[in-house]
Amino acid sequence: EPLTEGDADVLNGIPVTTPARTALDLACWYPLTEAVAAIDALARVTELRIGEVELFADRARGRRGIPRARRTIKLVDAGAQSPRESWLRTVLVEAGLPRPETQIAIADDHGRPVFYLDMGWERLKIAVEYDGDHHRTRRSQYSYDIRRLEMLTRRGWIVIRVTADDSAEDIVRRVRDALARRR
């Protein structure tokens, strides 16, 4: 697509598209879950403003991919810490579930955050955690996860742990069940 004024900048002497233009291009060109993951990562490391991306989309009416881009932009959340967390959140939202909060702080008895949950609904005390391979292959991580889960359970949280082997349908069913138990 042709660049217009405001689409590019210079970073360390190299011409680059702005974060907003880059986000729009990703949203137009890539499938939904890939685009959301890429833009989540971009938002995490830049000062990307979604409103600016929406303005770019308005200016680009008629451009191929704009309807998909608008849908994608609504799903972006800089709180995702990995592409699989982005995928997981997208699966939940696309299934019609309430949008989960990301990086929910869990504090110690003195009110200091000790860790963060990937996503969930704090008011309902439901967490959805994506466990990559390191959660089972690194002994220290595995042991930490056990203690962490015990603490969350004592505090009344329902924790849904998701791995690469879980299907989207199964994840949605498990989350729906947890939401139903808490309502």
Foldseek 3Di string as FASTA:
>chain_A
DDDDPQQWDADPNRIDGDLLNVLLVLQQPDPQLVSQQVNLCSVLPDVDDLVSNVVVLVVPPPDHRSVSSVVNSVLHDVLAPGSVLSNLQCLQVVVVHPRWDAFQFDADPVRHGPGTAGTHHVVLQEGEHEDEPCCPPPPVNVVVVVVVVVVSVVVPHHYHYHYPPDDSVRSNVVVVVSVVVRD
